[in-house]
Amino acid sequence: MSHTAEYIPSIPDGLAEAKPKNGNLKFILGGVVMLALVVVLIVYSTASTGAYYLTVAETLERAPTLAGQRVRVSGTVVDGSEDWKPQEMTLRFAVADESSHEQLTIVFYGPRPDNFQRAASAIIEGELMSDGSFQADTLLLKCPSRYEEEPEEVFVQSTR
C-alpha cells in the first residue's frame, strides 16, 4: 500500500481575509492628471501663438484699451520712414494700412534686419505704449523675392 502524502500549505488567517489593495488607482489618477495638463498646455499654446493680428487702423481705434498689452500688428512698411541708430541699436519706422492712410510708429531695439529696405510689409509683435507708439519685440518681414511670386519671410527677435 502506497501512501501519498500531499502537502497543503496553510494560509495565515490574516492573509486569507485581507482584500488585495488596488495599487493601479494611483497610476490611473496620475495618468488622468497628466493628460489634463497636456490638454491645458495645448489649448494655451494654440491661443497664445495663433496667427491672429490687428491692422493698423484697428490698433489705433482700440489704442486706449490696448495700451500696455501685448499685441500683434500687421501693416505695410512706409517708404522713407526708417530711422536706424546703430550706436543705440534702435530702429524706428512706420507701418500703415493699405486701405487707410493712418500710420503707427514702431520702435524696435535690436539688430537691423539686412533686408529691411526691401520689406514690403511686416507683422510686428510687442506692446502698445501709452504715447501711441509701438515697442516691438519681434519683427516678421515679408519681402518680395527675386525668383518667386510668394513673399520671403524673415523672423527677427529683439535683444531686450
Protein backbone atom coordinates (compact mmCIF):
# COMPACT_ATOMS: atom_id res chain seq x y z
CA MET A 1 0.00 0.00 0.00
CA SER A 2 1.39 3.21 -1.06
CA HIS A 3 0.84 6.29 0.89
CA THR A 4 0.99 9.57 -0.91
CA ALA A 5 1.26 12.49 1.30
CA GLU A 6 0.05 15.71 -0.12
CA TYR A 7 1.39 18.94 1.25
CA ILE A 8 -1.23 21.62 1.57
CA PRO A 9 0.23 24.91 2.65
CA SER A 10 -1.62 26.66 5.34
CA ILE A 11 -2.68 30.26 4.71
CA PRO A 12 -2.30 32.55 7.67
CA ASP A 13 -5.63 33.76 9.00
CA GLY A 14 -4.89 37.48 8.40
CA LEU A 15 -3.99 36.96 4.74
CA ALA A 16 -6.94 34.81 3.91
CA GLU A 17 -9.37 37.55 4.89
CA ALA A 18 -7.43 40.57 3.54
CA LYS A 19 -8.56 42.05 0.24
CA PRO A 20 -5.89 42.97 -2.30
CA LYS A 21 -5.15 46.73 -2.43
CA ASN A 22 -5.77 48.46 -5.71
CA GLY A 23 -2.32 49.90 -6.49
CA ASN A 24 -3.34 50.70 -10.05
CA LEU A 25 -5.63 53.51 -8.87
CA LYS A 26 -2.62 55.75 -8.23
CA PHE A 27 -1.35 55.21 -11.76
CA ILE A 28 -4.77 55.83 -13.29
CA LEU A 29 -5.23 59.10 -11.36
CA GLY A 30 -1.68 60.18 -12.25
CA GLY A 31 -2.34 59.47 -15.93
CA VAL A 32 -5.59 61.45 -15.88
CA VAL A 33 -3.84 64.43 -14.24
CA MET A 34 -1.01 64.31 -16.80
CA LEU A 35 -3.48 64.07 -19.68
CA ALA A 36 -5.41 67.08 -18.36
CA LEU A 37 -2.16 69.05 -18.07
CA VAL A 38 -1.23 68.24 -21.67
CA VAL A 39 -4.65 69.36 -22.90
CA VAL A 40 -4.37 72.65 -20.96
CA LEU A 41 -0.89 73.31 -22.39
CA ILE A 42 -2.07 72.62 -25.94
CA VAL A 43 -5.03 74.97 -25.60
CA TYR A 44 -2.88 77.70 -24.03
CA SER A 45 -0.14 77.48 -26.65
CA THR A 46 -2.64 77.47 -29.51
CA ALA A 47 -4.40 80.54 -28.15
CA SER A 48 -1.19 82.47 -27.50
CA THR A 49 0.54 81.66 -30.79
CA GLY A 50 -2.37 81.87 -33.15
CA ALA A 51 -1.92 83.74 -36.41
CA TYR A 52 -4.38 86.49 -35.47
CA TYR A 53 -3.19 90.07 -35.76
CA LEU A 54 -4.70 93.55 -35.82
CA THR A 55 -4.47 96.04 -38.67
CA VAL A 56 -3.01 99.49 -38.04
CA ALA A 57 -6.49 101.05 -38.14
CA GLU A 58 -7.85 98.52 -35.61
CA THR A 59 -4.86 99.10 -33.33
CA LEU A 60 -5.23 102.89 -33.38
CA GLU A 61 -9.00 102.62 -32.92
CA ARG A 62 -8.61 100.39 -29.86
CA ALA A 63 -5.48 102.14 -28.51
CA PRO A 64 -6.97 103.20 -25.14
CA THR A 65 -7.90 99.62 -24.26
CA LEU A 66 -4.77 98.04 -25.77
CA ALA A 67 -2.19 100.31 -24.07
CA GLY A 68 0.23 98.20 -22.05
CA GLN A 69 -0.96 94.91 -23.57
CA ARG A 70 0.89 92.51 -25.84
CA VAL A 71 -0.41 92.91 -29.40
CA ARG A 72 0.39 91.61 -32.91
CA VAL A 73 0.00 94.19 -35.69
CA SER A 74 0.28 93.88 -39.46
CA GLY A 75 0.92 96.70 -41.87
CA THR A 76 2.80 97.96 -44.90
CA VAL A 77 6.19 99.50 -44.17
CA VAL A 78 6.05 103.22 -45.06
CA ASP A 79 8.77 104.17 -47.56
CA GLY A 80 11.29 106.62 -46.15
CA SER A 81 10.17 106.19 -42.54
CA GLU A 82 13.24 104.21 -41.45
CA ASP A 83 15.39 105.80 -38.72
CA TRP A 84 18.26 103.43 -37.79
CA LYS A 85 20.64 104.38 -34.96
CA PRO A 86 23.40 101.75 -34.88
CA GLN A 87 25.04 103.08 -31.69
CA GLU A 88 21.79 102.59 -29.76
CA MET A 89 20.70 99.57 -31.84
CA THR A 90 17.34 101.28 -32.29
CA LEU A 91 15.20 101.02 -35.40
CA ARG A 92 12.22 103.34 -35.79
CA PHE A 93 9.83 103.10 -38.70
CA ALA A 94 6.15 103.43 -39.52
CA VAL A 95 3.60 100.97 -40.82
CA ALA A 96 0.28 101.79 -42.45
CA ASP A 97 -2.79 100.03 -43.78
CA GLU A 98 -3.27 99.70 -47.50
CA SER A 99 -6.89 100.82 -47.14
CA SER A 100 -6.32 103.81 -44.85
CA HIS A 101 -3.53 106.35 -44.54
CA GLU A 102 -3.20 106.01 -40.76
CA GLN A 103 0.32 105.22 -39.55
CA LEU A 104 1.70 103.55 -36.45
CA THR A 105 5.22 104.35 -35.25
CA ILE A 106 7.25 101.23 -34.44
CA VAL A 107 10.32 101.20 -32.15
CA PHE A 108 12.48 98.07 -32.28
CA TYR A 109 15.58 97.57 -30.12
CA GLY A 110 17.96 95.10 -31.69
CA PRO A 111 19.93 94.46 -34.86
CA ARG A 112 18.50 95.96 -38.02
CA PRO A 113 17.38 93.20 -40.38
CA ASP A 114 19.54 93.05 -43.52
CA ASN A 115 16.55 93.05 -45.83
CA PHE A 116 14.64 95.84 -44.10
CA GLN A 117 14.96 98.20 -47.09
CA ARG A 118 13.22 95.62 -49.30
CA ALA A 119 10.46 94.94 -46.78
CA ALA A 120 7.00 95.29 -48.28
CA SER A 121 5.02 94.51 -45.16
CA ALA A 122 5.61 93.46 -41.59
CA ILE A 123 3.94 91.65 -38.74
CA ILE A 124 5.10 93.18 -35.50
CA GLU A 125 4.61 91.74 -32.04
CA GLY A 126 5.09 93.82 -28.92
CA GLU A 127 3.46 96.33 -26.62
CA LEU A 128 1.41 99.40 -27.47
CA MET A 129 2.73 102.29 -25.38
CA SER A 130 0.56 104.99 -23.80
CA ASP A 131 2.08 107.67 -26.12
CA GLY A 132 0.71 105.82 -29.18
CA SER A 133 3.99 104.27 -30.32
CA PHE A 134 4.55 100.54 -30.51
CA GLN A 135 7.54 98.88 -28.84
CA ALA A 136 8.29 95.79 -30.90
CA ASP A 137 9.87 92.61 -29.56
CA THR A 138 9.51 90.62 -32.77
CA LEU A 139 9.57 91.60 -36.45
CA LEU A 140 8.38 89.33 -39.22
CA LEU A 141 9.24 90.99 -42.52
CA LYS A 142 7.64 89.97 -45.77
CA CYS A 143 9.90 90.84 -48.65
CA PRO A 144 9.32 90.34 -52.36
CA SER A 145 11.58 87.61 -53.67
CA ARG A 146 13.63 87.96 -56.83
CA TYR A 147 12.75 84.48 -58.03
CA GLU A 148 9.31 83.66 -56.71
CA GLU A 149 5.83 85.12 -56.54
CA GLU A 150 5.47 84.28 -52.84
CA PRO A 151 6.87 86.77 -50.28
CA GLU A 152 10.04 85.87 -48.41
CA GLU A 153 9.61 85.85 -44.63
CA VAL A 154 12.36 86.82 -42.21
CA PHE A 155 11.95 86.50 -38.44
CA VAL A 156 13.93 88.79 -36.10
CA GLN A 157 13.81 88.69 -32.29
CA SER A 158 14.59 91.70 -30.09
CA THR A 159 17.71 91.68 -27.93
CA ARG A 160 15.88 93.10 -24.92
